[in-house]
Amino acid sequence: MASGGSWWRAARLILIAAWVVAAGAAWWSAPRQTDVERATADIAAGRVVAYEWGAHWNDNGPDRWFSVPMLYGGGTAPTVFAWRTPDNRTHWIDTNGDATQIAQLRASVAESPSANVLALSTLINGIGLLFTVVFLGMILAGRPPVIGTKWYWFWLFALVPFGLGLLYWTFREVPWTKPTVFPPLKDDGSEHRLRGLRGLVTAFLISVAVSFALYGLRALLGEGIIPDLLSP
């Protein structure tokens, strides 16, 4: 039991460290909306290492993980210009279809490489996939959880943004070491473990609270600190 506990403690530290890396990478590289003056200044200074044209952003990363938005054409004329600077930060502007502005930008970046502007997307999605595989593997094939039922943890996994439900699971459950022994039933015949309905309600409330918190922080601190495209 002791060696198993030590193994899980080490695995948990690795998962937490991986989450911190993903969170930092997602925040650092999240596309931030700016103005055309910033675009022309970066182009003139040679700070554009990659750029893309598109019509809108769309997140194709794992659901409820950190957002990894991609720029899509959408079958319309591209009006959004996004670029990456040498520090792996991504910026973008919406030209609103201004033909003169679009022509000037296209001419000024003609010699610059056009490529994916989100250099850290593979790292972020890879860590999200790791968390998903570990969680689903333990829920489906591991010992029954002790703190909450499988459905309780599933809803926290599926609905809570930024992988916070997964992070909470690593603290509350010890799936490799806990014995399959549950507390005795309550007087009314129900078990002590947290049930699926409670997980669904809890996950929904946390998701709403996180959304409002991000909205308030963005209004207070600005797009540069809390980018809109960071939210899944």
Protein backbone atom coordinates (compact mmCIF):
# COMPACT_ATOMS: atom_id res chain seq x y z
CA MET A 1 0.00 0.00 0.00
CA ALA A 2 2.81 2.39 0.87
CA SER A 3 4.63 1.89 -2.41
CA GLY A 4 1.35 2.29 -4.31
CA GLY A 5 0.66 5.50 -2.41
CA SER A 6 4.11 6.82 -3.24
CA TRP A 7 3.59 5.94 -6.89
CA TRP A 8 0.30 7.83 -7.03
CA ARG A 9 1.76 10.83 -5.22
CA ALA A 10 4.52 11.01 -7.83
CA ALA A 11 2.01 10.60 -10.68
CA ARG A 12 -0.19 13.29 -9.16
CA LEU A 13 2.71 15.73 -8.97
CA ILE A 14 3.49 15.05 -12.64
CA LEU A 15 -0.14 15.69 -13.62
CA ILE A 16 -0.28 18.91 -11.61
CA ALA A 17 3.01 20.10 -13.12
CA ALA A 18 1.68 19.28 -16.59
CA TRP A 19 -1.49 21.26 -15.88
CA VAL A 20 0.56 24.27 -14.77
CA VAL A 21 2.60 24.07 -17.99
CA ALA A 22 -0.58 23.89 -20.09
CA ALA A 23 -2.16 26.79 -18.20
CA GLY A 24 0.92 28.96 -18.64
CA ALA A 25 1.29 28.08 -22.32
CA ALA A 26 -2.41 28.73 -23.01
CA TRP A 27 -2.34 32.11 -21.29
CA TRP A 28 0.94 33.16 -22.90
CA SER A 29 0.04 32.20 -26.45
CA ALA A 30 -3.68 33.05 -26.44
CA PRO A 31 -4.47 35.41 -29.36
CA ARG A 32 -4.93 38.96 -28.13
CA GLN A 33 -6.86 41.53 -30.13
CA THR A 34 -4.98 44.75 -30.79
CA ASP A 35 -4.96 47.56 -33.37
CA VAL A 36 -3.54 48.11 -36.84
CA GLU A 37 -0.83 50.38 -35.45
CA ARG A 38 0.59 47.44 -33.48
CA ALA A 39 0.45 45.28 -36.60
CA THR A 40 2.30 47.76 -38.79
CA ALA A 41 4.88 48.42 -36.05
CA ASP A 42 5.64 44.71 -35.63
CA ILE A 43 5.87 44.23 -39.39
CA ALA A 44 8.18 47.23 -39.82
CA ALA A 45 10.43 46.03 -36.99
CA GLY A 46 10.65 42.51 -38.42
CA ARG A 47 8.90 40.96 -35.41
CA VAL A 48 6.43 38.93 -37.49
CA VAL A 49 7.65 35.33 -37.65
CA ALA A 50 4.33 33.87 -38.85
CA TYR A 51 0.99 35.22 -39.96
CA GLU A 52 -2.42 34.06 -41.13
CA TRP A 53 -5.51 35.51 -42.75
CA GLY A 54 -8.99 34.28 -41.91
CA ALA A 55 -12.60 35.16 -41.26
CA HIS A 56 -13.16 33.97 -37.69
CA TRP A 57 -11.65 32.06 -34.77
CA ASN A 58 -12.79 28.59 -33.83
CA ASP A 59 -11.59 26.41 -30.95
CA ASN A 60 -10.84 22.84 -32.02
CA GLY A 61 -9.09 21.74 -28.83
CA PRO A 62 -10.40 19.14 -26.35
CA ASP A 63 -13.76 20.21 -24.94
CA ARG A 64 -13.55 22.20 -21.67
CA TRP A 65 -9.75 22.19 -21.79
CA PHE A 66 -7.73 25.34 -22.39
CA SER A 67 -8.83 27.07 -25.58
CA VAL A 68 -6.63 26.55 -28.64
CA PRO A 69 -8.37 28.71 -31.26
CA MET A 70 -7.61 28.33 -34.94
CA LEU A 71 -8.24 30.89 -37.67
CA TYR A 72 -10.66 29.74 -40.36
CA GLY A 73 -11.69 31.19 -43.69
CA GLY A 74 -15.33 30.26 -43.40
CA GLY A 75 -15.91 30.62 -47.13
CA THR A 76 -15.78 34.40 -46.98
CA ALA A 77 -13.18 37.03 -47.78
CA PRO A 78 -10.56 37.02 -44.99
CA THR A 79 -10.75 40.12 -42.82
CA VAL A 80 -8.89 38.94 -39.70
CA PHE A 81 -5.10 39.26 -39.70
CA ALA A 82 -3.20 37.31 -37.03
CA TRP A 83 0.53 37.15 -36.45
CA ARG A 84 3.08 35.63 -34.08
CA THR A 85 6.07 37.45 -32.66
CA PRO A 86 9.44 35.86 -31.71
CA ASP A 87 8.33 35.43 -28.07
CA ASN A 88 5.55 33.03 -29.23
CA ARG A 89 2.77 35.52 -28.48
CA THR A 90 -0.11 35.86 -30.93
CA HIS A 91 -1.91 39.08 -31.83
CA TRP A 92 -4.76 39.79 -34.21
CA ILE A 93 -6.83 42.58 -35.69
CA ASP A 94 -10.16 42.70 -37.50
CA THR A 95 -9.94 44.94 -40.54
CA ASN A 96 -13.75 44.94 -40.87
CA GLY A 97 -13.34 44.49 -44.60
CA ASP A 98 -11.36 47.70 -45.13
CA ALA A 99 -9.94 47.01 -48.61
CA THR A 100 -7.19 49.63 -48.31
CA GLN A 101 -6.04 48.34 -44.93
CA ILE A 102 -6.08 44.74 -46.15
CA ALA A 103 -4.07 45.63 -49.26
CA GLN A 104 -1.47 47.51 -47.21
CA LEU A 105 -1.05 44.63 -44.77
CA ARG A 106 -0.80 42.04 -47.53
CA ALA A 107 1.85 44.08 -49.32
CA SER A 108 3.90 44.67 -46.18
CA VAL A 109 4.05 41.00 -45.15
CA ALA A 110 4.63 39.61 -48.62
CA GLU A 111 8.15 38.50 -47.67
CA SER A 112 7.19 37.12 -44.27
CA PRO A 113 6.48 33.42 -43.72
CA SER A 114 2.82 32.44 -43.57
CA ALA A 115 2.27 29.61 -41.07
CA ASN A 116 0.39 28.53 -37.96
CA VAL A 117 0.45 31.45 -35.55
CA LEU A 118 -0.15 29.27 -32.48
CA ALA A 119 3.22 27.68 -31.85
CA LEU A 120 2.25 26.10 -28.51
CA SER A 121 -1.03 24.50 -29.59
CA THR A 122 0.43 20.98 -29.86
CA LEU A 123 1.85 21.18 -26.33
CA ILE A 124 -1.44 22.42 -24.85
CA ASN A 125 -3.60 19.84 -26.62
CA GLY A 126 -1.10 17.06 -25.88
CA ILE A 127 -1.30 17.69 -22.14
CA GLY A 128 -5.09 17.82 -22.39
CA LEU A 129 -5.06 14.44 -24.13
CA LEU A 130 -2.80 13.01 -21.42
CA PHE A 131 -5.21 14.13 -18.69
CA THR A 132 -8.18 12.71 -20.59
CA VAL A 133 -6.55 9.31 -21.16
CA VAL A 134 -5.48 8.99 -17.52
CA PHE A 135 -8.88 10.05 -16.18
CA LEU A 136 -11.02 7.93 -18.50
CA GLY A 137 -8.69 4.97 -18.09
CA MET A 138 -9.06 5.05 -14.31
CA ILE A 139 -12.81 5.71 -14.40
CA LEU A 140 -13.51 2.90 -16.88
CA ALA A 141 -10.91 0.31 -15.88
CA GLY A 142 -9.72 1.31 -12.41
CA ARG A 143 -11.13 0.69 -8.98
CA PRO A 144 -14.46 2.36 -8.16
CA PRO A 145 -13.89 5.88 -6.81
CA VAL A 146 -14.47 6.41 -3.09
CA ILE A 147 -15.24 10.13 -2.75
CA GLY A 148 -17.82 10.31 -5.55
CA THR A 149 -19.41 7.95 -8.04
CA LYS A 150 -18.09 7.60 -11.58
CA TRP A 151 -20.90 9.80 -12.85
CA TYR A 152 -20.05 12.50 -10.30
CA TRP A 153 -16.49 12.70 -11.58
CA PHE A 154 -17.56 12.41 -15.20
CA TRP A 155 -19.67 15.58 -15.01
CA LEU A 156 -16.84 17.51 -13.37
CA PHE A 157 -14.54 16.27 -16.13
CA ALA A 158 -16.97 17.08 -18.95
CA LEU A 159 -18.35 20.46 -17.88
CA VAL A 160 -15.81 22.32 -15.73
CA PRO A 161 -13.52 24.49 -17.91
CA PHE A 162 -9.72 24.57 -18.01
CA GLY A 163 -9.46 20.99 -16.77
CA LEU A 164 -10.21 22.16 -13.22
CA GLY A 165 -12.46 19.15 -12.67
CA LEU A 166 -9.61 16.86 -13.61
CA LEU A 167 -7.25 18.77 -11.35
CA TYR A 168 -9.71 18.45 -8.45
CA TRP A 169 -10.00 14.71 -9.12
CA THR A 170 -6.24 14.25 -8.72
CA PHE A 171 -6.47 15.78 -5.23
CA ARG A 172 -9.62 14.05 -4.00
CA GLU A 173 -9.31 10.50 -5.36
CA VAL A 174 -6.41 8.07 -5.04
CA PRO A 175 -7.52 5.49 -7.62
CA TRP A 176 -4.45 3.25 -7.49
CA THR A 177 -4.32 2.82 -3.74
CA LYS A 178 -7.79 3.18 -2.24
CA PRO A 179 -9.38 -0.18 -1.42
CA THR A 180 -12.77 -0.99 -2.88
CA VAL A 181 -14.45 -0.48 0.49
CA PHE A 182 -17.13 2.15 0.89
CA PRO A 183 -18.63 3.72 4.02
CA PRO A 184 -21.82 2.08 5.33
CA LEU A 185 -25.11 3.25 3.89
CA LYS A 186 -26.99 6.11 5.49
CA ASP A 187 -30.13 5.49 7.50
CA ASP A 188 -32.30 6.15 4.45
CA GLY A 189 -30.42 3.52 2.45
CA SER A 190 -28.42 5.94 0.31
CA GLU A 191 -24.64 5.83 0.10
CA HIS A 192 -22.22 8.48 1.30
CA ARG A 193 -20.46 8.96 -2.04
CA LEU A 194 -21.24 12.08 -4.02
CA ARG A 195 -23.75 11.20 -6.74
CA GLY A 196 -23.98 12.02 -10.43
CA LEU A 197 -26.74 14.61 -10.07
CA ARG A 198 -24.68 16.51 -7.54
CA GLY A 199 -21.73 16.37 -9.90
CA LEU A 200 -23.86 17.74 -12.75
CA VAL A 201 -25.19 20.64 -10.68
CA THR A 202 -21.78 21.39 -9.16
CA ALA A 203 -20.07 21.36 -12.55
CA PHE A 204 -22.72 23.66 -14.05
CA LEU A 205 -22.43 26.16 -11.20
CA ILE A 206 -18.63 26.15 -11.35
CA SER A 207 -18.70 26.66 -15.12
CA VAL A 208 -21.03 29.65 -14.78
CA ALA A 209 -18.94 31.09 -11.94
CA VAL A 210 -15.72 30.78 -13.97
CA SER A 211 -17.37 32.49 -16.96
CA PHE A 212 -18.53 35.43 -14.83
CA ALA A 213 -15.14 35.64 -13.11
CA LEU A 214 -13.34 35.80 -16.46
CA TYR A 215 -15.76 38.43 -17.74
CA GLY A 216 -15.22 40.58 -14.66
CA LEU A 217 -11.45 40.18 -14.70
CA ARG A 218 -11.32 41.02 -18.41
CA ALA A 219 -13.34 44.19 -17.81
CA LEU A 220 -11.06 45.11 -14.91
CA LEU A 221 -7.64 44.11 -16.26
CA GLY A 222 -8.16 44.29 -20.02
CA GLU A 223 -7.68 42.01 -23.01
CA GLY A 224 -3.91 41.97 -22.59
CA ILE A 225 -4.12 40.19 -19.22
CA ILE A 226 -7.31 38.15 -19.69
CA PRO A 227 -7.66 37.53 -23.45
CA ASP A 228 -11.15 36.73 -24.66
CA LEU A 229 -9.96 33.79 -26.77
CA LEU A 230 -8.48 32.09 -23.69
CA SER A 231 -11.92 30.82 -22.65
CA PRO A 232 -13.05 27.44 -24.03
